[in-house]
Amino acid sequence: MSEIRIRSKIWFEIEGQPLLGEGRFRLLSAVECAGSINAAAKNLGISYRKAWSQLEDMEQHAPFPLLERRVGGKGGGESQLTAETQELLKNFRLLREQINSAADYYFAEVFPMEE
């Protein structure tokens, strides 16, 4: 018999509007790694337009700037996460790990596996 596992999703909202969930977390993390929105979108297999739209929506609701941008030229543009955004991602990652750990613990209590 296959083992049953628990999974959960978390996201942050501001005034009922989504700010950060798994998809947007991956997008911001990709921007951090790639150094540009365009490269991040390519790495994630999404269109630049979709990435830009998600970032723009986030920035409309965020209480601080998410990105520091330098307009492209011959070598292309550059985007970096602000210190506040880096802290947000760090805290999201930590909270996600803690919630998943707690969910695993309580799942094991409610559904003890026979050995």
PDB file of N, CA and C in Angstrom:
ATOM      1  N   MET A   1       0.829  -1.176   0.000  1.00  0.00           N
ATOM      2  CA  MET A   1       0.000   0.000   0.000  1.00  0.00           C
ATOM      3  C   MET A   1       0.878   1.245   0.000  1.00  0.00           C
ATOM      4  N   SER A   2       0.500   2.242  -0.732  1.00  0.00           N
ATOM      5  CA  SER A   2       1.259   3.481  -0.809  1.00  0.00           C
ATOM      6  C   SER A   2       1.115   4.275   0.478  1.00  0.00           C
ATOM      7  N   GLU A   3       2.180   4.973   0.819  1.00  0.00           N
ATOM      8  CA  GLU A   3       2.185   5.787   2.032  1.00  0.00           C
ATOM      9  C   GLU A   3       1.437   7.096   1.797  1.00  0.00           C
ATOM     10  N   ILE A   4       0.593   7.467   2.738  1.00  0.00           N
ATOM     11  CA  ILE A   4      -0.133   8.734   2.661  1.00  0.00           C
ATOM     12  C   ILE A   4       0.753   9.810   3.270  1.00  0.00           C
ATOM     13  N   ARG A   5       0.841  10.942   2.600  1.00  0.00           N
ATOM     14  CA  ARG A   5       1.638  12.071   3.093  1.00  0.00           C
ATOM     15  C   ARG A   5       0.769  13.317   3.132  1.00  0.00           C
ATOM     16  N   ILE A   6       1.125  14.223   3.994  1.00  0.00           N
ATOM     17  CA  ILE A   6       0.399  15.486   4.096  1.00  0.00           C
ATOM     18  C   ILE A   6       1.172  16.573   3.352  1.00  0.00           C
ATOM     19  N   ARG A   7       0.428  17.456   2.725  1.00  0.00           N
ATOM     20  CA  ARG A   7       1.009  18.601   2.020  1.00  0.00           C
ATOM     21  C   ARG A   7       0.183  19.822   2.371  1.00  0.00           C
ATOM     22  N   SER A   8       0.820  20.954   2.424  1.00  0.00           N
ATOM     23  CA  SER A   8       0.094  22.184   2.723  1.00  0.00           C
ATOM     24  C   SER A   8       0.662  23.311   1.871  1.00  0.00           C
ATOM     25  N   LYS A   9      -0.131  24.336   1.698  1.00  0.00           N
ATOM     26  CA  LYS A   9       0.299  25.525   0.962  1.00  0.00           C
ATOM     27  C   LYS A   9       0.116  26.727   1.870  1.00  0.00           C
ATOM     28  N   ILE A  10       1.067  27.627   1.800  1.00  0.00           N
ATOM     29  CA  ILE A  10       0.925  28.880   2.529  1.00  0.00           C
ATOM     30  C   ILE A  10       1.125  30.017   1.550  1.00  0.00           C
ATOM     31  N   TRP A  11       0.529  31.139   1.887  1.00  0.00           N
ATOM     32  CA  TRP A  11       0.760  32.353   1.108  1.00  0.00           C
ATOM     33  C   TRP A  11       0.522  33.539   2.022  1.00  0.00           C
ATOM     34  N   PHE A  12       1.104  34.648   1.652  1.00  0.00           N
ATOM     35  CA  PHE A  12       0.910  35.891   2.389  1.00  0.00           C
ATOM     36  C   PHE A  12      -0.066  36.756   1.615  1.00  0.00           C
ATOM     37  N   GLU A  13      -0.933  37.433   2.353  1.00  0.00           N
ATOM     38  CA  GLU A  13      -1.876  38.376   1.761  1.00  0.00           C
ATOM     39  C   GLU A  13      -1.721  39.727   2.441  1.00  0.00           C
ATOM     40  N   ILE A  14      -2.055  40.770   1.714  1.00  0.00           N
ATOM     41  CA  ILE A  14      -2.151  42.116   2.266  1.00  0.00           C
ATOM     42  C   ILE A  14      -3.525  42.637   1.887  1.00  0.00           C
ATOM     43  N   GLU A  15      -4.333  42.935   2.904  1.00  0.00           N
ATOM     44  CA  GLU A  15      -5.698  43.422   2.702  1.00  0.00           C
ATOM     45  C   GLU A  15      -6.483  42.524   1.743  1.00  0.00           C
ATOM     46  N   GLY A  16      -6.338  41.218   1.942  1.00  0.00           N
ATOM     47  CA  GLY A  16      -7.074  40.249   1.146  1.00  0.00           C
ATOM     48  C   GLY A  16      -6.502  39.971  -0.234  1.00  0.00           C
ATOM     49  N   GLN A  17      -5.429  40.653  -0.598  1.00  0.00           N
ATOM     50  CA  GLN A  17      -4.803  40.462  -1.907  1.00  0.00           C
ATOM     51  C   GLN A  17      -3.550  39.604  -1.753  1.00  0.00           C
ATOM     52  N   PRO A  18      -3.368  38.608  -2.624  1.00  0.00           N
ATOM     53  CA  PRO A  18      -2.191  37.749  -2.495  1.00  0.00           C
ATOM     54  C   PRO A  18      -0.905  38.540  -2.740  1.00  0.00           C
ATOM     55  N   LEU A  19       0.063  38.303  -1.873  1.00  0.00           N
ATOM     56  CA  LEU A  19       1.369  38.927  -2.032  1.00  0.00           C
ATOM     57  C   LEU A  19       2.402  37.887  -2.445  1.00  0.00           C
ATOM     58  N   LEU A  20       2.499  36.808  -1.672  1.00  0.00           N
ATOM     59  CA  LEU A  20       3.568  35.840  -1.915  1.00  0.00           C
ATOM     60  C   LEU A  20       3.071  34.435  -1.634  1.00  0.00           C
ATOM     61  N   GLY A  21       3.258  33.566  -2.615  1.00  0.00           N
ATOM     62  CA  GLY A  21       2.984  32.143  -2.487  1.00  0.00           C
ATOM     63  C   GLY A  21       4.119  31.403  -3.163  1.00  0.00           C
ATOM     64  N   GLU A  22       3.951  30.126  -3.387  1.00  0.00           N
ATOM     65  CA  GLU A  22       5.032  29.312  -3.975  1.00  0.00           C
ATOM     66  C   GLU A  22       5.494  29.817  -5.342  1.00  0.00           C
ATOM     67  N   GLY A  23       4.544  30.120  -6.220  1.00  0.00           N
ATOM     68  CA  GLY A  23       4.925  30.558  -7.567  1.00  0.00           C
ATOM     69  C   GLY A  23       5.687  31.861  -7.553  1.00  0.00           C
ATOM     70  N   ARG A  24       5.211  32.819  -6.800  1.00  0.00           N
ATOM     71  CA  ARG A  24       5.882  34.111  -6.715  1.00  0.00           C
ATOM     72  C   ARG A  24       7.197  33.991  -5.947  1.00  0.00           C
ATOM     73  N   PHE A  25       7.247  33.088  -4.987  1.00  0.00           N
ATOM     74  CA  PHE A  25       8.500  32.809  -4.285  1.00  0.00           C
ATOM     75  C   PHE A  25       9.549  32.305  -5.273  1.00  0.00           C
ATOM     76  N   ARG A  26       9.137  31.355  -6.133  1.00  0.00           N
ATOM     77  CA  ARG A  26      10.066  30.826  -7.138  1.00  0.00           C
ATOM     78  C   ARG A  26      10.515  31.916  -8.103  1.00  0.00           C
ATOM     79  N   LEU A  27       9.587  32.794  -8.487  1.00  0.00           N
ATOM     80  CA  LEU A  27       9.929  33.876  -9.406  1.00  0.00           C
ATOM     81  C   LEU A  27      10.949  34.821  -8.780  1.00  0.00           C
ATOM     82  N   LEU A  28      10.700  35.271  -7.572  1.00  0.00           N
ATOM     83  CA  LEU A  28      11.647  36.178  -6.916  1.00  0.00           C
ATOM     84  C   LEU A  28      12.995  35.501  -6.686  1.00  0.00           C
ATOM     85  N   SER A  29      12.975  34.232  -6.326  1.00  0.00           N
ATOM     86  CA  SER A  29      14.224  33.491  -6.139  1.00  0.00           C
ATOM     87  C   SER A  29      14.996  33.381  -7.452  1.00  0.00           C
ATOM     88  N   ALA A  30      14.260  33.177  -8.545  1.00  0.00           N
ATOM     89  CA  ALA A  30      14.900  33.094  -9.868  1.00  0.00           C
ATOM     90  C   ALA A  30      15.494  34.438 -10.273  1.00  0.00           C
ATOM     91  N   VAL A  31      14.801  35.526  -9.970  1.00  0.00           N
ATOM     92  CA  VAL A  31      15.343  36.859 -10.254  1.00  0.00           C
ATOM     93  C   VAL A  31      16.620  37.069  -9.453  1.00  0.00           C
ATOM     94  N   GLU A  32      16.596  36.640  -8.201  1.00  0.00           N
ATOM     95  CA  GLU A  32      17.781  36.782  -7.352  1.00  0.00           C
ATOM     96  C   GLU A  32      18.966  36.023  -7.940  1.00  0.00           C
ATOM     97  N   CYS A  33      18.732  34.811  -8.414  1.00  0.00           N
ATOM     98  CA  CYS A  33      19.810  33.989  -8.976  1.00  0.00           C
ATOM     99  C   CYS A  33      20.281  34.487 -10.341  1.00  0.00           C
ATOM    100  N   ALA A  34      19.329  34.863 -11.189  1.00  0.00           N
ATOM    101  CA  ALA A  34      19.659  35.212 -12.573  1.00  0.00           C
ATOM    102  C   ALA A  34      20.083  36.674 -12.737  1.00  0.00           C
ATOM    103  N   GLY A  35      19.602  37.533 -11.851  1.00  0.00           N
ATOM    104  CA  GLY A  35      19.968  38.941 -11.955  1.00  0.00           C
ATOM    105  C   GLY A  35      19.124  39.752 -12.920  1.00  0.00           C
ATOM    106  N   SER A  36      18.118  39.116 -13.509  1.00  0.00           N
ATOM    107  CA  SER A  36      17.217  39.857 -14.398  1.00  0.00           C
ATOM    108  C   SER A  36      15.873  39.139 -14.469  1.00  0.00           C
ATOM    109  N   ILE A  37      14.853  39.922 -14.767  1.00  0.00           N
ATOM    110  CA  ILE A  37      13.507  39.358 -14.895  1.00  0.00           C
ATOM    111  C   ILE A  37      13.440  38.457 -16.114  1.00  0.00           C
ATOM    112  N   ASN A  38      14.021  38.889 -17.209  1.00  0.00           N
ATOM    113  CA  ASN A  38      13.992  38.123 -18.445  1.00  0.00           C
ATOM    114  C   ASN A  38      14.661  36.758 -18.267  1.00  0.00           C
ATOM    115  N   ALA A  39      15.854  36.745 -17.675  1.00  0.00           N
ATOM    116  CA  ALA A  39      16.564  35.477 -17.470  1.00  0.00           C
ATOM    117  C   ALA A  39      15.797  34.587 -16.488  1.00  0.00           C
ATOM    118  N   ALA A  40      15.209  35.190 -15.463  1.00  0.00           N
ATOM    119  CA  ALA A  40      14.431  34.418 -14.491  1.00  0.00           C
ATOM    120  C   ALA A  40      13.235  33.758 -15.175  1.00  0.00           C
ATOM    121  N   ALA A  41      12.528  34.527 -16.021  1.00  0.00           N
ATOM    122  CA  ALA A  41      11.370  33.982 -16.738  1.00  0.00           C
ATOM    123  C   ALA A  41      11.792  32.808 -17.616  1.00  0.00           C
ATOM    124  N   LYS A  42      12.889  32.959 -18.326  1.00  0.00           N
ATOM    125  CA  LYS A  42      13.386  31.866 -19.181  1.00  0.00           C
ATOM    126  C   LYS A  42      13.719  30.638 -18.353  1.00  0.00           C
ATOM    127  N   ASN A  43      14.383  30.846 -17.211  1.00  0.00           N
ATOM    128  CA  ASN A  43      14.756  29.721 -16.346  1.00  0.00           C
ATOM    129  C   ASN A  43      13.530  28.991 -15.799  1.00  0.00           C
ATOM    130  N   LEU A  44      12.446  29.721 -15.589  1.00  0.00           N
ATOM    131  CA  LEU A  44      11.220  29.113 -15.061  1.00  0.00           C
ATOM    132  C   LEU A  44      10.293  28.588 -16.156  1.00  0.00           C
ATOM    133  N   GLY A  45      10.608  28.905 -17.401  1.00  0.00           N
ATOM    134  CA  GLY A  45       9.772  28.456 -18.511  1.00  0.00           C
ATOM    135  C   GLY A  45       8.470  29.219 -18.625  1.00  0.00           C
ATOM    136  N   ILE A  46       8.481  30.498 -18.197  1.00  0.00           N
ATOM    137  CA  ILE A  46       7.292  31.344 -18.333  1.00  0.00           C
ATOM    138  C   ILE A  46       7.654  32.543 -19.201  1.00  0.00           C
ATOM    139  N   SER A  47       6.644  33.220 -19.695  1.00  0.00           N
ATOM    140  CA  SER A  47       6.904  34.379 -20.539  1.00  0.00           C
ATOM    141  C   SER A  47       7.371  35.561 -19.693  1.00  0.00           C
ATOM    142  N   TYR A  48       8.121  36.439 -20.326  1.00  0.00           N
ATOM    143  CA  TYR A  48       8.554  37.661 -19.656  1.00  0.00           C
ATOM    144  C   TYR A  48       7.337  38.461 -19.207  1.00  0.00           C
ATOM    145  N   ARG A  49       6.337  38.502 -20.060  1.00  0.00           N
ATOM    146  CA  ARG A  49       5.116  39.259 -19.757  1.00  0.00           C
ATOM    147  C   ARG A  49       4.437  38.732 -18.483  1.00  0.00           C
ATOM    148  N   LYS A  50       4.369  37.409 -18.341  1.00  0.00           N
ATOM    149  CA  LYS A  50       3.759  36.824 -17.145  1.00  0.00           C
ATOM    150  C   LYS A  50       4.587  37.158 -15.906  1.00  0.00           C
ATOM    151  N   ALA A  51       5.896  37.034 -16.019  1.00  0.00           N
ATOM    152  CA  ALA A  51       6.769  37.355 -14.888  1.00  0.00           C
ATOM    153  C   ALA A  51       6.617  38.822 -14.497  1.00  0.00           C
ATOM    154  N   TRP A  52       6.653  39.694 -15.489  1.00  0.00           N
ATOM    155  CA  TRP A  52       6.515  41.127 -15.243  1.00  0.00           C
ATOM    156  C   TRP A  52       5.169  41.431 -14.580  1.00  0.00           C
ATOM    157  N   SER A  53       4.110  40.807 -15.071  1.00  0.00           N
ATOM    158  CA  SER A  53       2.771  41.030 -14.535  1.00  0.00           C
ATOM    159  C   SER A  53       2.685  40.609 -13.067  1.00  0.00           C
ATOM    160  N   GLN A  54       3.255  39.461 -12.735  1.00  0.00           N
ATOM    161  CA  GLN A  54       3.241  38.992 -11.353  1.00  0.00           C
ATOM    162  C   GLN A  54       4.023  39.936 -10.443  1.00  0.00           C
ATOM    163  N   LEU A  55       5.183  40.373 -10.903  1.00  0.00           N
ATOM    164  CA  LEU A  55       5.998  41.286 -10.105  1.00  0.00           C
ATOM    165  C   LEU A  55       5.305  42.629  -9.920  1.00  0.00           C
ATOM    166  N   GLU A  56       4.698  43.103 -10.973  1.00  0.00           N
ATOM    167  CA  GLU A  56       3.975  44.380 -10.901  1.00  0.00           C
ATOM    168  C   GLU A  56       2.812  44.284  -9.910  1.00  0.00           C
ATOM    169  N   ASP A  57       2.068  43.173  -9.947  1.00  0.00           N
ATOM    170  CA  ASP A  57       0.967  42.968  -9.019  1.00  0.00           C
ATOM    171  C   ASP A  57       1.470  42.922  -7.582  1.00  0.00           C
ATOM    172  N   MET A  58       2.574  42.234  -7.356  1.00  0.00           N
ATOM    173  CA  MET A  58       3.150  42.160  -6.018  1.00  0.00           C
ATOM    174  C   MET A  58       3.556  43.538  -5.525  1.00  0.00           C
ATOM    175  N   GLU A  59       4.188  44.299  -6.387  1.00  0.00           N
ATOM    176  CA  GLU A  59       4.680  45.618  -5.986  1.00  0.00           C
ATOM    177  C   GLU A  59       3.540  46.586  -5.675  1.00  0.00           C
ATOM    178  N   GLN A  60       2.379  46.387  -6.275  1.00  0.00           N
ATOM    179  CA  GLN A  60       1.231  47.239  -5.969  1.00  0.00           C
ATOM    180  C   GLN A  60       0.738  47.022  -4.548  1.00  0.00           C
ATOM    181  N   HIS A  61       0.955  45.828  -4.004  1.00  0.00           N
ATOM    182  CA  HIS A  61       0.447  45.495  -2.678  1.00  0.00           C
ATOM    183  C   HIS A  61       1.522  45.464  -1.601  1.00  0.00           C
ATOM    184  N   ALA A  62       2.768  45.327  -1.978  1.00  0.00           N
ATOM    185  CA  ALA A  62       3.848  45.219  -0.998  1.00  0.00           C
ATOM    186  C   ALA A  62       4.061  46.545  -0.272  1.00  0.00           C
ATOM    187  N   PRO A  63       4.407  46.476   0.996  1.00  0.00           N
ATOM    188  CA  PRO A  63       4.648  47.703   1.760  1.00  0.00           C
ATOM    189  C   PRO A  63       6.043  48.291   1.535  1.00  0.00           C
ATOM    190  N   PHE A  64       6.798  47.696   0.625  1.00  0.00           N
ATOM    191  CA  PHE A  64       8.151  48.176   0.325  1.00  0.00           C
ATOM    192  C   PHE A  64       8.492  47.785  -1.109  1.00  0.00           C
ATOM    193  N   PRO A  65       9.492  48.450  -1.720  1.00  0.00           N
ATOM    194  CA  PRO A  65       9.906  48.067  -3.075  1.00  0.00           C
ATOM    195  C   PRO A  65      10.492  46.649  -3.064  1.00  0.00           C
ATOM    196  N   LEU A  66      10.153  45.875  -4.067  1.00  0.00           N
ATOM    197  CA  LEU A  66      10.641  44.497  -4.149  1.00  0.00           C
ATOM    198  C   LEU A  66      11.965  44.386  -4.896  1.00  0.00           C
ATOM    199  N   LEU A  67      12.110  45.199  -5.933  1.00  0.00           N
ATOM    200  CA  LEU A  67      13.279  45.096  -6.807  1.00  0.00           C
ATOM    201  C   LEU A  67      13.973  46.433  -6.984  1.00  0.00           C
ATOM    202  N   GLU A  68      15.266  46.342  -7.190  1.00  0.00           N
ATOM    203  CA  GLU A  68      16.046  47.484  -7.653  1.00  0.00           C
ATOM    204  C   GLU A  68      16.381  47.165  -9.108  1.00  0.00           C
ATOM    205  N   ARG A  69      15.995  48.063 -10.007  1.00  0.00           N
ATOM    206  CA  ARG A  69      16.154  47.797 -11.446  1.00  0.00           C
ATOM    207  C   ARG A  69      17.131  48.771 -12.081  1.00  0.00           C
ATOM    208  N   ARG A  70      17.854  48.249 -13.060  1.00  0.00           N
ATOM    209  CA  ARG A  70      18.677  49.081 -13.926  1.00  0.00           C
ATOM    210  C   ARG A  70      18.231  48.790 -15.346  1.00  0.00           C
ATOM    211  N   VAL A  71      17.795  49.831 -16.040  1.00  0.00           N
ATOM    212  CA  VAL A  71      17.261  49.677 -17.393  1.00  0.00           C
ATOM    213  C   VAL A  71      18.338  49.114 -18.309  1.00  0.00           C
ATOM    214  N   GLY A  72      17.895  48.211 -19.194  1.00  0.00           N
ATOM    215  CA  GLY A  72      18.811  47.537 -20.102  1.00  0.00           C
ATOM    216  C   GLY A  72      19.371  48.436 -21.177  1.00  0.00           C
ATOM    217  N   GLY A  73      20.427  48.019 -21.705  1.00  0.00           N
ATOM    218  CA  GLY A  73      21.096  48.667 -22.826  1.00  0.00           C
ATOM    219  C   GLY A  73      21.677  47.575 -23.676  1.00  0.00           C
ATOM    220  N   LYS A  74      22.888  47.779 -24.113  1.00  0.00           N
ATOM    221  CA  LYS A  74      23.553  46.784 -24.957  1.00  0.00           C
ATOM    222  C   LYS A  74      23.677  45.423 -24.249  1.00  0.00           C
ATOM    223  N   GLY A  75      24.035  45.453 -22.964  1.00  0.00           N
ATOM    224  CA  GLY A  75      24.204  44.210 -22.217  1.00  0.00           C
ATOM    225  C   GLY A  75      22.933  43.720 -21.553  1.00  0.00           C
ATOM    226  N   GLY A  76      21.840  44.462 -21.652  1.00  0.00           N
ATOM    227  CA  GLY A  76      20.578  44.064 -21.040  1.00  0.00           C
ATOM    228  C   GLY A  76      20.396  44.703 -19.679  1.00  0.00           C
ATOM    229  N   GLY A  77      19.200  44.593 -19.138  1.00  0.00           N
ATOM    230  CA  GLY A  77      18.878  45.186 -17.851  1.00  0.00           C
ATOM    231  C   GLY A  77      19.305  44.298 -16.709  1.00  0.00           C
ATOM    232  N   GLU A  78      19.129  44.841 -15.531  1.00  0.00           N
ATOM    233  CA  GLU A  78      19.513  44.105 -14.336  1.00  0.00           C
ATOM    234  C   GLU A  78      18.475  44.354 -13.263  1.00  0.00           C
ATOM    235  N   SER A  79      18.135  43.334 -12.517  1.00  0.00           N
ATOM    236  CA  SER A  79      17.204  43.460 -11.401  1.00  0.00           C
ATOM    237  C   SER A  79      17.770  42.708 -10.209  1.00  0.00           C
ATOM    238  N   GLN A  80      17.700  43.359  -9.061  1.00  0.00           N
ATOM    239  CA  GLN A  80      18.145  42.742  -7.818  1.00  0.00           C
ATOM    240  C   GLN A  80      17.054  42.894  -6.784  1.00  0.00           C
ATOM    241  N   LEU A  81      16.971  41.935  -5.885  1.00  0.00           N
ATOM    242  CA  LEU A  81      15.999  42.019  -4.806  1.00  0.00           C
ATOM    243  C   LEU A  81      16.473  43.049  -3.793  1.00  0.00           C
ATOM    244  N   THR A  82      15.519  43.805  -3.258  1.00  0.00           N
ATOM    245  CA  THR A  82      15.862  44.725  -2.180  1.00  0.00           C
ATOM    246  C   THR A  82      16.152  43.910  -0.918  1.00  0.00           C
ATOM    247  N   ALA A  83      16.776  44.542   0.056  1.00  0.00           N
ATOM    248  CA  ALA A  83      17.067  43.868   1.323  1.00  0.00           C
ATOM    249  C   ALA A  83      15.771  43.385   1.981  1.00  0.00           C
ATOM    250  N   GLU A  84      14.702  44.187   1.875  1.00  0.00           N
ATOM    251  CA  GLU A  84      13.413  43.797   2.460  1.00  0.00           C
ATOM    252  C   GLU A  84      12.853  42.554   1.776  1.00  0.00           C
ATOM    253  N   THR A  85      13.025  42.462   0.467  1.00  0.00           N
ATOM    254  CA  THR A  85      12.526  41.293  -0.271  1.00  0.00           C
ATOM    255  C   THR A  85      13.337  40.057   0.080  1.00  0.00           C
ATOM    256  N   GLN A  86      14.642  40.216   0.222  1.00  0.00           N
ATOM    257  CA  GLN A  86      15.481  39.083   0.630  1.00  0.00           C
ATOM    258  C   GLN A  86      15.043  38.568   1.999  1.00  0.00           C
ATOM    259  N   GLU A  87      14.742  39.490   2.912  1.00  0.00           N
ATOM    260  CA  GLU A  87      14.269  39.110   4.251  1.00  0.00           C
ATOM    261  C   GLU A  87      12.904  38.424   4.161  1.00  0.00           C
ATOM    262  N   LEU A  88      12.026  38.936   3.306  1.00  0.00           N
ATOM    263  CA  LEU A  88      10.710  38.326   3.109  1.00  0.00           C
ATOM    264  C   LEU A  88      10.854  36.886   2.625  1.00  0.00           C
ATOM    265  N   LEU A  89      11.726  36.652   1.647  1.00  0.00           N
ATOM    266  CA  LEU A  89      11.928  35.295   1.133  1.00  0.00           C
ATOM    267  C   LEU A  89      12.518  34.383   2.195  1.00  0.00           C
ATOM    268  N   LYS A  90      13.470  34.897   2.957  1.00  0.00           N
ATOM    269  CA  LYS A  90      14.082  34.108   4.034  1.00  0.00           C
ATOM    270  C   LYS A  90      13.014  33.700   5.052  1.00  0.00           C
ATOM    271  N   ASN A  91      12.168  34.648   5.441  1.00  0.00           N
ATOM    272  CA  ASN A  91      11.124  34.360   6.423  1.00  0.00           C
ATOM    273  C   ASN A  91      10.047  33.435   5.855  1.00  0.00           C
ATOM    274  N   PHE A  92       9.702  33.592   4.584  1.00  0.00           N
ATOM    275  CA  PHE A  92       8.729  32.705   3.936  1.00  0.00           C
ATOM    276  C   PHE A  92       9.261  31.273   3.947  1.00  0.00           C
ATOM    277  N   ARG A  93      10.526  31.123   3.570  1.00  0.00           N
ATOM    278  CA  ARG A  93      11.162  29.795   3.536  1.00  0.00           C
ATOM    279  C   ARG A  93      11.147  29.172   4.933  1.00  0.00           C
ATOM    280  N   LEU A  94      11.519  29.939   5.946  1.00  0.00           N
ATOM    281  CA  LEU A  94      11.551  29.441   7.320  1.00  0.00           C
ATOM    282  C   LEU A  94      10.160  29.059   7.796  1.00  0.00           C
ATOM    283  N   LEU A  95       9.191  29.923   7.559  1.00  0.00           N
ATOM    284  CA  LEU A  95       7.817  29.635   7.967  1.00  0.00           C
ATOM    285  C   LEU A  95       7.283  28.387   7.268  1.00  0.00           C
ATOM    286  N   ARG A  96       7.562  28.268   5.970  1.00  0.00           N
ATOM    287  CA  ARG A  96       7.112  27.092   5.209  1.00  0.00           C
ATOM    288  C   ARG A  96       7.702  25.814   5.807  1.00  0.00           C
ATOM    289  N   GLU A  97       8.986  25.846   6.153  1.00  0.00           N
ATOM    290  CA  GLU A  97       9.633  24.673   6.746  1.00  0.00           C
ATOM    291  C   GLU A  97       9.014  24.326   8.098  1.00  0.00           C
ATOM    292  N   GLN A  98       8.761  25.347   8.908  1.00  0.00           N
ATOM    293  CA  GLN A  98       8.176  25.112  10.231  1.00  0.00           C
ATOM    294  C   GLN A  98       6.747  24.577  10.126  1.00  0.00           C
ATOM    295  N   ILE A  99       5.963  25.129   9.219  1.00  0.00           N
ATOM    296  CA  ILE A  99       4.585  24.662   9.038  1.00  0.00           C
ATOM    297  C   ILE A  99       4.569  23.224   8.531  1.00  0.00           C
ATOM    298  N   ASN A 100       5.432  22.905   7.571  1.00  0.00           N
ATOM    299  CA  ASN A 100       5.482  21.533   7.052  1.00  0.00           C
ATOM    300  C   ASN A 100       5.941  20.551   8.121  1.00  0.00           C
ATOM    301  N   SER A 101       6.887  20.963   8.941  1.00  0.00           N
ATOM    302  CA  SER A 101       7.357  20.104  10.029  1.00  0.00           C
ATOM    303  C   SER A 101       6.240  19.859  11.036  1.00  0.00           C
ATOM    304  N   ALA A 102       5.526  20.919  11.396  1.00  0.00           N
ATOM    305  CA  ALA A 102       4.402  20.766  12.332  1.00  0.00           C
ATOM    306  C   ALA A 102       3.304  19.909  11.719  1.00  0.00           C
ATOM    307  N   ALA A 103       3.018  20.103  10.441  1.00  0.00           N
ATOM    308  CA  ALA A 103       1.990  19.308   9.770  1.00  0.00           C
ATOM    309  C   ALA A 103       2.378  17.834   9.769  1.00  0.00           C
ATOM    310  N   ASP A 104       3.652  17.527   9.489  1.00  0.00           N
ATOM    311  CA  ASP A 104       4.122  16.139   9.523  1.00  0.00           C
ATOM    312  C   ASP A 104       3.955  15.539  10.913  1.00  0.00           C
ATOM    313  N   TYR A 105       4.293  16.312  11.930  1.00  0.00           N
ATOM    314  CA  TYR A 105       4.183  15.844  13.312  1.00  0.00           C
ATOM    315  C   TYR A 105       2.735  15.498  13.652  1.00  0.00           C
ATOM    316  N   TYR A 106       1.824  16.429  13.389  1.00  0.00           N
ATOM    317  CA  TYR A 106       0.420  16.203  13.734  1.00  0.00           C
ATOM    318  C   TYR A 106      -0.214  15.123  12.858  1.00  0.00           C
ATOM    319  N   PHE A 107       0.217  15.027  11.631  1.00  0.00           N
ATOM    320  CA  PHE A 107      -0.281  13.961  10.764  1.00  0.00           C
ATOM    321  C   PHE A 107       0.098  12.601  11.347  1.00  0.00           C
ATOM    322  N   ALA A 108       1.346  12.470  11.796  1.00  0.00           N
ATOM    323  CA  ALA A 108       1.807  11.204  12.381  1.00  0.00           C
ATOM    324  C   ALA A 108       1.041  10.866  13.660  1.00  0.00           C
ATOM    325  N   GLU A 109       0.646  11.895  14.409  1.00  0.00           N
ATOM    326  CA  GLU A 109      -0.150  11.651  15.618  1.00  0.00           C
ATOM    327  C   GLU A 109      -1.559  11.168  15.280  1.00  0.00           C
ATOM    328  N   VAL A 110      -2.165  11.773  14.280  1.00  0.00           N
ATOM    329  CA  VAL A 110      -3.548  11.457  13.907  1.00  0.00           C
ATOM    330  C   VAL A 110      -3.613  10.149  13.104  1.00  0.00           C
ATOM    331  N   PHE A 111      -2.624   9.915  12.247  1.00  0.00           N
ATOM    332  CA  PHE A 111      -2.575   8.723  11.405  1.00  0.00           C
ATOM    333  C   PHE A 111      -1.292   7.946  11.675  1.00  0.00           C
ATOM    334  N   PRO A 112      -1.199   7.295  12.802  1.00  0.00           N
ATOM    335  CA  PRO A 112       0.042   6.547  13.089  1.00  0.00           C
ATOM    336  C   PRO A 112       0.223   5.413  12.081  1.00  0.00           C
ATOM    337  N   MET A 113       1.422   5.296  11.582  1.00  0.00           N
ATOM    338  CA  MET A 113       1.747   4.256  10.607  1.00  0.00           C
ATOM    339  C   MET A 113       2.103   2.965  11.359  1.00  0.00           C
ATOM    340  N   GLU A 114       1.567   1.879  10.856  1.00  0.00           N
ATOM    341  CA  GLU A 114       1.892   0.571  11.429  1.00  0.00           C
ATOM    342  C   GLU A 114       3.280   0.164  10.961  1.00  0.00           C
ATOM    343  N   GLU A 115       4.035  -0.369  11.864  1.00  0.00           N
ATOM    344  CA  GLU A 115       5.391  -0.807  11.505  1.00  0.00           C
ATOM    345  C   GLU A 115       5.466  -2.298  11.323  1.00  0.00           C
TER     346      GLU A 115
END
